Amino acid sequence: MGKFILTKITEMPKNKIEDLRNHLFEALEMLKDGELAVDKAEAIVGVAQVIVETAKVEVAYIKALETNKHTGFLQLENK
């Protein structure tokens, strides 16, 4: 198996989970209105699934380390 190397995140991502939701709802509306081809919608879904899976990994990381450090993608509140 390959090695995984965790690197320090030096720059926060510009897109947030809310942006993903907005893009997905926009794509849904476009698909419904016939402005988006099904194959393109399927591609969007595939990319969105990968993004959601990476967010799940981020949540697991935060829980495992019991830390409040995160990338900002999930817009977590520090408590």
PDB file of N, CA and C in Angstrom:
ATOM      1  N   MET A   1       0.831  -1.186   0.000  1.00  0.00           N
ATOM      2  CA  MET A   1       0.000   0.000   0.000  1.00  0.00           C
ATOM      3  C   MET A   1       0.869   1.241   0.000  1.00  0.00           C
ATOM      4  N   GLY A   2       0.323   2.306  -0.580  1.00  0.00           N
ATOM      5  CA  GLY A   2       1.040   3.566  -0.645  1.00  0.00           C
ATOM      6  C   GLY A   2       1.036   4.289   0.685  1.00  0.00           C
ATOM      7  N   LYS A   3       1.967   5.206   0.821  1.00  0.00           N
ATOM      8  CA  LYS A   3       2.052   6.020   2.025  1.00  0.00           C
ATOM      9  C   LYS A   3       1.211   7.270   1.861  1.00  0.00           C
ATOM     10  N   PHE A   4       0.581   7.677   2.914  1.00  0.00           N
ATOM     11  CA  PHE A   4      -0.157   8.926   2.914  1.00  0.00           C
ATOM     12  C   PHE A   4       0.586   9.895   3.810  1.00  0.00           C
ATOM     13  N   ILE A   5       0.813  11.070   3.303  1.00  0.00           N
ATOM     14  CA  ILE A   5       1.509  12.088   4.076  1.00  0.00           C
ATOM     15  C   ILE A   5       0.543  13.254   4.282  1.00  0.00           C
ATOM     16  N   LEU A   6       0.268  13.548   5.535  1.00  0.00           N
ATOM     17  CA  LEU A   6      -0.583  14.696   5.846  1.00  0.00           C
ATOM     18  C   LEU A   6       0.275  15.944   5.832  1.00  0.00           C
ATOM     19  N   THR A   7      -0.193  16.934   5.123  1.00  0.00           N
ATOM     20  CA  THR A   7       0.534  18.192   5.086  1.00  0.00           C
ATOM     21  C   THR A   7      -0.289  19.259   5.776  1.00  0.00           C
ATOM     22  N   LYS A   8       0.384  20.241   6.275  1.00  0.00           N
ATOM     23  CA  LYS A   8      -0.282  21.337   6.965  1.00  0.00           C
ATOM     24  C   LYS A   8      -1.026  22.186   5.939  1.00  0.00           C
ATOM     25  N   ILE A   9      -2.234  22.530   6.251  1.00  0.00           N
ATOM     26  CA  ILE A   9      -3.022  23.390   5.378  1.00  0.00           C
ATOM     27  C   ILE A   9      -2.618  24.822   5.658  1.00  0.00           C
ATOM     28  N   THR A  10      -2.105  25.485   4.629  1.00  0.00           N
ATOM     29  CA  THR A  10      -1.619  26.849   4.827  1.00  0.00           C
ATOM     30  C   THR A  10      -2.610  27.892   4.334  1.00  0.00           C
ATOM     31  N   GLU A  11      -3.540  27.474   3.510  1.00  0.00           N
ATOM     32  CA  GLU A  11      -4.513  28.425   2.971  1.00  0.00           C
ATOM     33  C   GLU A  11      -5.906  27.816   3.092  1.00  0.00           C
ATOM     34  N   MET A  12      -6.834  28.597   3.589  1.00  0.00           N
ATOM     35  CA  MET A  12      -8.196  28.112   3.737  1.00  0.00           C
ATOM     36  C   MET A  12      -8.866  28.037   2.373  1.00  0.00           C
ATOM     37  N   PRO A  13      -9.696  27.024   2.157  1.00  0.00           N
ATOM     38  CA  PRO A  13     -10.375  26.935   0.863  1.00  0.00           C
ATOM     39  C   PRO A  13     -11.368  28.079   0.705  1.00  0.00           C
ATOM     40  N   LYS A  14     -11.546  28.513  -0.537  1.00  0.00           N
ATOM     41  CA  LYS A  14     -12.474  29.624  -0.738  1.00  0.00           C
ATOM     42  C   LYS A  14     -13.910  29.139  -0.784  1.00  0.00           C
ATOM     43  N   ASN A  15     -14.135  27.902  -1.185  1.00  0.00           N
ATOM     44  CA  ASN A  15     -15.496  27.364  -1.261  1.00  0.00           C
ATOM     45  C   ASN A  15     -15.856  26.656   0.038  1.00  0.00           C
ATOM     46  N   LYS A  16     -17.085  26.802   0.414  1.00  0.00           N
ATOM     47  CA  LYS A  16     -17.595  26.198   1.653  1.00  0.00           C
ATOM     48  C   LYS A  16     -18.703  25.211   1.305  1.00  0.00           C
ATOM     49  N   ILE A  17     -19.121  24.437   2.281  1.00  0.00           N
ATOM     50  CA  ILE A  17     -20.178  23.444   2.074  1.00  0.00           C
ATOM     51  C   ILE A  17     -21.459  24.129   1.591  1.00  0.00           C
ATOM     52  N   GLU A  18     -21.720  25.331   2.067  1.00  0.00           N
ATOM     53  CA  GLU A  18     -22.903  26.073   1.633  1.00  0.00           C
ATOM     54  C   GLU A  18     -22.833  26.387   0.132  1.00  0.00           C
ATOM     55  N   ASP A  19     -21.623  26.696  -0.351  1.00  0.00           N
ATOM     56  CA  ASP A  19     -21.439  26.939  -1.789  1.00  0.00           C
ATOM     57  C   ASP A  19     -21.759  25.683  -2.593  1.00  0.00           C
ATOM     58  N   LEU A  20     -21.321  24.533  -2.095  1.00  0.00           N
ATOM     59  CA  LEU A  20     -21.617  23.264  -2.769  1.00  0.00           C
ATOM     60  C   LEU A  20     -23.126  23.045  -2.847  1.00  0.00           C
ATOM     61  N   ARG A  21     -23.804  23.260  -1.751  1.00  0.00           N
ATOM     62  CA  ARG A  21     -25.271  23.108  -1.752  1.00  0.00           C
ATOM     63  C   ARG A  21     -25.909  24.033  -2.782  1.00  0.00           C
ATOM     64  N   ASN A  22     -25.470  25.285  -2.801  1.00  0.00           N
ATOM     65  CA  ASN A  22     -26.038  26.245  -3.744  1.00  0.00           C
ATOM     66  C   ASN A  22     -25.804  25.815  -5.190  1.00  0.00           C
ATOM     67  N   HIS A  23     -24.598  25.354  -5.490  1.00  0.00           N
ATOM     68  CA  HIS A  23     -24.299  24.893  -6.846  1.00  0.00           C
ATOM     69  C   HIS A  23     -25.145  23.682  -7.221  1.00  0.00           C
ATOM     70  N   LEU A  24     -25.325  22.777  -6.275  1.00  0.00           N
ATOM     71  CA  LEU A  24     -26.118  21.577  -6.554  1.00  0.00           C
ATOM     72  C   LEU A  24     -27.584  21.925  -6.792  1.00  0.00           C
ATOM     73  N   PHE A  25     -28.123  22.831  -6.008  1.00  0.00           N
ATOM     74  CA  PHE A  25     -29.510  23.241  -6.222  1.00  0.00           C
ATOM     75  C   PHE A  25     -29.664  24.001  -7.532  1.00  0.00           C
ATOM     76  N   GLU A  26     -28.665  24.793  -7.886  1.00  0.00           N
ATOM     77  CA  GLU A  26     -28.693  25.493  -9.171  1.00  0.00           C
ATOM     78  C   GLU A  26     -28.677  24.478 -10.320  1.00  0.00           C
ATOM     79  N   ALA A  27     -27.828  23.457 -10.206  1.00  0.00           N
ATOM     80  CA  ALA A  27     -27.766  22.419 -11.236  1.00  0.00           C
ATOM     81  C   ALA A  27     -29.093  21.670 -11.318  1.00  0.00           C
ATOM     82  N   LEU A  28     -29.708  21.414 -10.193  1.00  0.00           N
ATOM     83  CA  LEU A  28     -31.000  20.734 -10.174  1.00  0.00           C
ATOM     84  C   LEU A  28     -32.056  21.553 -10.902  1.00  0.00           C
ATOM     85  N   GLU A  29     -32.083  22.838 -10.638  1.00  0.00           N
ATOM     86  CA  GLU A  29     -33.031  23.721 -11.325  1.00  0.00           C
ATOM     87  C   GLU A  29     -32.769  23.741 -12.831  1.00  0.00           C
ATOM     88  N   MET A  30     -31.493  23.828 -13.213  1.00  0.00           N
ATOM     89  CA  MET A  30     -31.137  23.842 -14.631  1.00  0.00           C
ATOM     90  C   MET A  30     -31.525  22.529 -15.305  1.00  0.00           C
ATOM     91  N   LEU A  31     -31.326  21.432 -14.598  1.00  0.00           N
ATOM     92  CA  LEU A  31     -31.705  20.120 -15.141  1.00  0.00           C
ATOM     93  C   LEU A  31     -33.215  20.050 -15.329  1.00  0.00           C
ATOM     94  N   LYS A  32     -33.940  20.514 -14.333  1.00  0.00           N
ATOM     95  CA  LYS A  32     -35.400  20.517 -14.384  1.00  0.00           C
ATOM     96  C   LYS A  32     -35.914  21.386 -15.527  1.00  0.00           C
ATOM     97  N   ASP A  33     -35.238  22.498 -15.782  1.00  0.00           N
ATOM     98  CA  ASP A  33     -35.647  23.420 -16.839  1.00  0.00           C
ATOM     99  C   ASP A  33     -35.112  23.038 -18.218  1.00  0.00           C
ATOM    100  N   GLY A  34     -34.380  21.933 -18.290  1.00  0.00           N
ATOM    101  CA  GLY A  34     -33.828  21.491 -19.563  1.00  0.00           C
ATOM    102  C   GLY A  34     -32.604  22.274 -20.016  1.00  0.00           C
ATOM    103  N   GLU A  35     -31.988  23.005 -19.099  1.00  0.00           N
ATOM    104  CA  GLU A  35     -30.818  23.824 -19.428  1.00  0.00           C
ATOM    105  C   GLU A  35     -29.502  23.106 -19.153  1.00  0.00           C
ATOM    106  N   LEU A  36     -29.584  21.889 -18.630  1.00  0.00           N
ATOM    107  CA  LEU A  36     -28.391  21.123 -18.288  1.00  0.00           C
ATOM    108  C   LEU A  36     -28.588  19.693 -18.763  1.00  0.00           C
ATOM    109  N   ALA A  37     -27.612  19.180 -19.498  1.00  0.00           N
ATOM    110  CA  ALA A  37     -27.682  17.809 -19.994  1.00  0.00           C
ATOM    111  C   ALA A  37     -27.510  16.818 -18.845  1.00  0.00           C
ATOM    112  N   VAL A  38     -28.154  15.684 -18.973  1.00  0.00           N
ATOM    113  CA  VAL A  38     -28.105  14.660 -17.928  1.00  0.00           C
ATOM    114  C   VAL A  38     -26.673  14.208 -17.672  1.00  0.00           C
ATOM    115  N   ASP A  39     -25.873  14.033 -18.722  1.00  0.00           N
ATOM    116  CA  ASP A  39     -24.494  13.573 -18.518  1.00  0.00           C
ATOM    117  C   ASP A  39     -23.672  14.596 -17.736  1.00  0.00           C
ATOM    118  N   LYS A  40     -23.921  15.876 -17.954  1.00  0.00           N
ATOM    119  CA  LYS A  40     -23.228  16.903 -17.178  1.00  0.00           C
ATOM    120  C   LYS A  40     -23.715  16.917 -15.737  1.00  0.00           C
ATOM    121  N   ALA A  41     -24.996  16.700 -15.545  1.00  0.00           N
ATOM    122  CA  ALA A  41     -25.542  16.629 -14.186  1.00  0.00           C
ATOM    123  C   ALA A  41     -24.930  15.449 -13.433  1.00  0.00           C
ATOM    124  N   GLU A  42     -24.771  14.330 -14.123  1.00  0.00           N
ATOM    125  CA  GLU A  42     -24.157  13.151 -13.500  1.00  0.00           C
ATOM    126  C   GLU A  42     -22.705  13.425 -13.128  1.00  0.00           C
ATOM    127  N   ALA A  43     -22.005  14.173 -13.961  1.00  0.00           N
ATOM    128  CA  ALA A  43     -20.623  14.544 -13.653  1.00  0.00           C
ATOM    129  C   ALA A  43     -20.568  15.438 -12.419  1.00  0.00           C
ATOM    130  N   ILE A  44     -21.501  16.371 -12.329  1.00  0.00           N
ATOM    131  CA  ILE A  44     -21.571  17.260 -11.167  1.00  0.00           C
ATOM    132  C   ILE A  44     -21.824  16.446  -9.903  1.00  0.00           C
ATOM    133  N   VAL A  45     -22.729  15.484  -9.985  1.00  0.00           N
ATOM    134  CA  VAL A  45     -23.032  14.616  -8.839  1.00  0.00           C
ATOM    135  C   VAL A  45     -21.783  13.851  -8.404  1.00  0.00           C
ATOM    136  N   GLY A  46     -21.033  13.340  -9.366  1.00  0.00           N
ATOM    137  CA  GLY A  46     -19.813  12.595  -9.041  1.00  0.00           C
ATOM    138  C   GLY A  46     -18.805  13.454  -8.293  1.00  0.00           C
ATOM    139  N   VAL A  47     -18.590  14.662  -8.768  1.00  0.00           N
ATOM    140  CA  VAL A  47     -17.654  15.570  -8.097  1.00  0.00           C
ATOM    141  C   VAL A  47     -18.173  15.936  -6.705  1.00  0.00           C
ATOM    142  N   ALA A  48     -19.450  16.202  -6.602  1.00  0.00           N
ATOM    143  CA  ALA A  48     -20.043  16.554  -5.308  1.00  0.00           C
ATOM    144  C   ALA A  48     -19.877  15.414  -4.302  1.00  0.00           C
ATOM    145  N   GLN A  49     -20.034  14.177  -4.764  1.00  0.00           N
ATOM    146  CA  GLN A  49     -19.874  13.027  -3.864  1.00  0.00           C
ATOM    147  C   GLN A  49     -18.444  12.946  -3.330  1.00  0.00           C
ATOM    148  N   VAL A  50     -17.477  13.216  -4.181  1.00  0.00           N
ATOM    149  CA  VAL A  50     -16.085  13.209  -3.737  1.00  0.00           C
ATOM    150  C   VAL A  50     -15.858  14.309  -2.699  1.00  0.00           C
ATOM    151  N   ILE A  51     -16.416  15.475  -2.933  1.00  0.00           N
ATOM    152  CA  ILE A  51     -16.261  16.587  -1.988  1.00  0.00           C
ATOM    153  C   ILE A  51     -16.891  16.232  -0.645  1.00  0.00           C
ATOM    154  N   VAL A  52     -18.066  15.626  -0.677  1.00  0.00           N
ATOM    155  CA  VAL A  52     -18.741  15.225   0.563  1.00  0.00           C
ATOM    156  C   VAL A  52     -17.916  14.170   1.298  1.00  0.00           C
ATOM    157  N   GLU A  53     -17.349  13.227   0.574  1.00  0.00           N
ATOM    158  CA  GLU A  53     -16.510  12.206   1.213  1.00  0.00           C
ATOM    159  C   GLU A  53     -15.291  12.832   1.883  1.00  0.00           C
ATOM    160  N   THR A  54     -14.690  13.839   1.251  1.00  0.00           N
ATOM    161  CA  THR A  54     -13.543  14.497   1.888  1.00  0.00           C
ATOM    162  C   THR A  54     -13.982  15.248   3.139  1.00  0.00           C
ATOM    163  N   ALA A  55     -15.196  15.791   3.126  1.00  0.00           N
ATOM    164  CA  ALA A  55     -15.715  16.458   4.325  1.00  0.00           C
ATOM    165  C   ALA A  55     -15.910  15.445   5.448  1.00  0.00           C
ATOM    166  N   LYS A  56     -16.360  14.237   5.107  1.00  0.00           N
ATOM    167  CA  LYS A  56     -16.510  13.183   6.117  1.00  0.00           C
ATOM    168  C   LYS A  56     -15.159  12.833   6.743  1.00  0.00           C
ATOM    169  N   VAL A  57     -14.126  12.803   5.915  1.00  0.00           N
ATOM    170  CA  VAL A  57     -12.781  12.529   6.427  1.00  0.00           C
ATOM    171  C   VAL A  57     -12.350  13.650   7.363  1.00  0.00           C
ATOM    172  N   GLU A  58     -12.673  14.878   6.999  1.00  0.00           N
ATOM    173  CA  GLU A  58     -12.327  16.010   7.855  1.00  0.00           C
ATOM    174  C   GLU A  58     -13.012  15.894   9.213  1.00  0.00           C
ATOM    175  N   VAL A  59     -14.274  15.523   9.224  1.00  0.00           N
ATOM    176  CA  VAL A  59     -15.005  15.357  10.486  1.00  0.00           C
ATOM    177  C   VAL A  59     -14.371  14.242  11.313  1.00  0.00           C
ATOM    178  N   ALA A  60     -14.027  13.141  10.680  1.00  0.00           N
ATOM    179  CA  ALA A  60     -13.386  12.035  11.399  1.00  0.00           C
ATOM    180  C   ALA A  60     -12.039  12.473  11.977  1.00  0.00           C
ATOM    181  N   TYR A  61     -11.306  13.252  11.233  1.00  0.00           N
ATOM    182  CA  TYR A  61     -10.019  13.774  11.686  1.00  0.00           C
ATOM    183  C   TYR A  61     -10.202  14.654  12.922  1.00  0.00           C
ATOM    184  N   ILE A  62     -11.176  15.547  12.849  1.00  0.00           N
ATOM    185  CA  ILE A  62     -11.441  16.447  13.976  1.00  0.00           C
ATOM    186  C   ILE A  62     -11.829  15.652  15.222  1.00  0.00           C
ATOM    187  N   LYS A  63     -12.692  14.640  15.035  1.00  0.00           N
ATOM    188  CA  LYS A  63     -13.115  13.812  16.168  1.00  0.00           C
ATOM    189  C   LYS A  63     -11.959  12.992  16.725  1.00  0.00           C
ATOM    190  N   ALA A  64     -11.153  12.427  15.837  1.00  0.00           N
ATOM    191  CA  ALA A  64     -10.052  11.572  16.281  1.00  0.00           C
ATOM    192  C   ALA A  64      -9.022  12.351  17.085  1.00  0.00           C
ATOM    193  N   LEU A  65      -8.754  13.558  16.682  1.00  0.00           N
ATOM    194  CA  LEU A  65      -7.754  14.363  17.377  1.00  0.00           C
ATOM    195  C   LEU A  65      -8.351  15.231  18.474  1.00  0.00           C
ATOM    196  N   GLU A  66      -9.670  15.192  18.583  1.00  0.00           N
ATOM    197  CA  GLU A  66     -10.369  16.017  19.568  1.00  0.00           C
ATOM    198  C   GLU A  66      -9.847  17.454  19.508  1.00  0.00           C
ATOM    199  N   THR A  67      -9.903  17.993  18.326  1.00  0.00           N
ATOM    200  CA  THR A  67      -9.380  19.336  18.083  1.00  0.00           C
ATOM    201  C   THR A  67     -10.456  20.216  17.472  1.00  0.00           C
ATOM    202  N   ASN A  68     -10.214  21.486  17.463  1.00  0.00           N
ATOM    203  CA  ASN A  68     -11.141  22.391  16.790  1.00  0.00           C
ATOM    204  C   ASN A  68     -10.515  22.950  15.512  1.00  0.00           C
ATOM    205  N   LYS A  69      -9.365  22.394  15.116  1.00  0.00           N
ATOM    206  CA  LYS A  69      -8.713  22.829  13.880  1.00  0.00           C
ATOM    207  C   LYS A  69      -9.376  22.154  12.699  1.00  0.00           C
ATOM    208  N   HIS A  70      -9.720  22.943  11.707  1.00  0.00           N
ATOM    209  CA  HIS A  70     -10.355  22.413  10.504  1.00  0.00           C
ATOM    210  C   HIS A  70     -10.053  23.335   9.343  1.00  0.00           C
ATOM    211  N   THR A  71     -10.446  22.946   8.142  1.00  0.00           N
ATOM    212  CA  THR A  71     -10.120  23.717   6.948  1.00  0.00           C
ATOM    213  C   THR A  71     -11.035  24.905   6.732  1.00  0.00           C
ATOM    214  N   GLY A  72     -12.179  24.911   7.363  1.00  0.00           N
ATOM    215  CA  GLY A  72     -13.135  25.984   7.143  1.00  0.00           C
ATOM    216  C   GLY A  72     -14.212  25.606   6.157  1.00  0.00           C
ATOM    217  N   PHE A  73     -14.034  24.494   5.446  1.00  0.00           N
ATOM    218  CA  PHE A  73     -15.004  24.070   4.457  1.00  0.00           C
ATOM    219  C   PHE A  73     -16.370  23.817   5.094  1.00  0.00           C
ATOM    220  N   LEU A  74     -16.357  23.207   6.265  1.00  0.00           N
ATOM    221  CA  LEU A  74     -17.616  22.848   6.926  1.00  0.00           C
ATOM    222  C   LEU A  74     -18.199  23.978   7.764  1.00  0.00           C
ATOM    223  N   GLN A  75     -17.488  25.058   7.897  1.00  0.00           N
ATOM    224  CA  GLN A  75     -17.952  26.217   8.649  1.00  0.00           C
ATOM    225  C   GLN A  75     -18.381  25.825  10.062  1.00  0.00           C
ATOM    226  N   LEU A  76     -17.482  25.138  10.748  1.00  0.00           N
ATOM    227  CA  LEU A  76     -17.757  24.699  12.117  1.00  0.00           C
ATOM    228  C   LEU A  76     -17.560  25.855  13.082  1.00  0.00           C
ATOM    229  N   GLU A  77     -18.382  25.855  14.099  1.00  0.00           N
ATOM    230  CA  GLU A  77     -18.248  26.856  15.146  1.00  0.00           C
ATOM    231  C   GLU A  77     -17.352  26.299  16.221  1.00  0.00           C
ATOM    232  N   ASN A  78     -16.405  27.085  16.677  1.00  0.00           N
ATOM    233  CA  ASN A  78     -15.563  26.662  17.788  1.00  0.00           C
ATOM    234  C   ASN A  78     -16.352  26.812  19.078  1.00  0.00           C
ATOM    235  N   LYS A  79     -16.399  25.747  19.838  1.00  0.00           N
ATOM    236  CA  LYS A  79     -17.158  25.788  21.103  1.00  0.00           C
ATOM    237  C   LYS A  79     -16.239  25.540  22.250  1.00  0.00           C
TER     238      LYS A  79
END
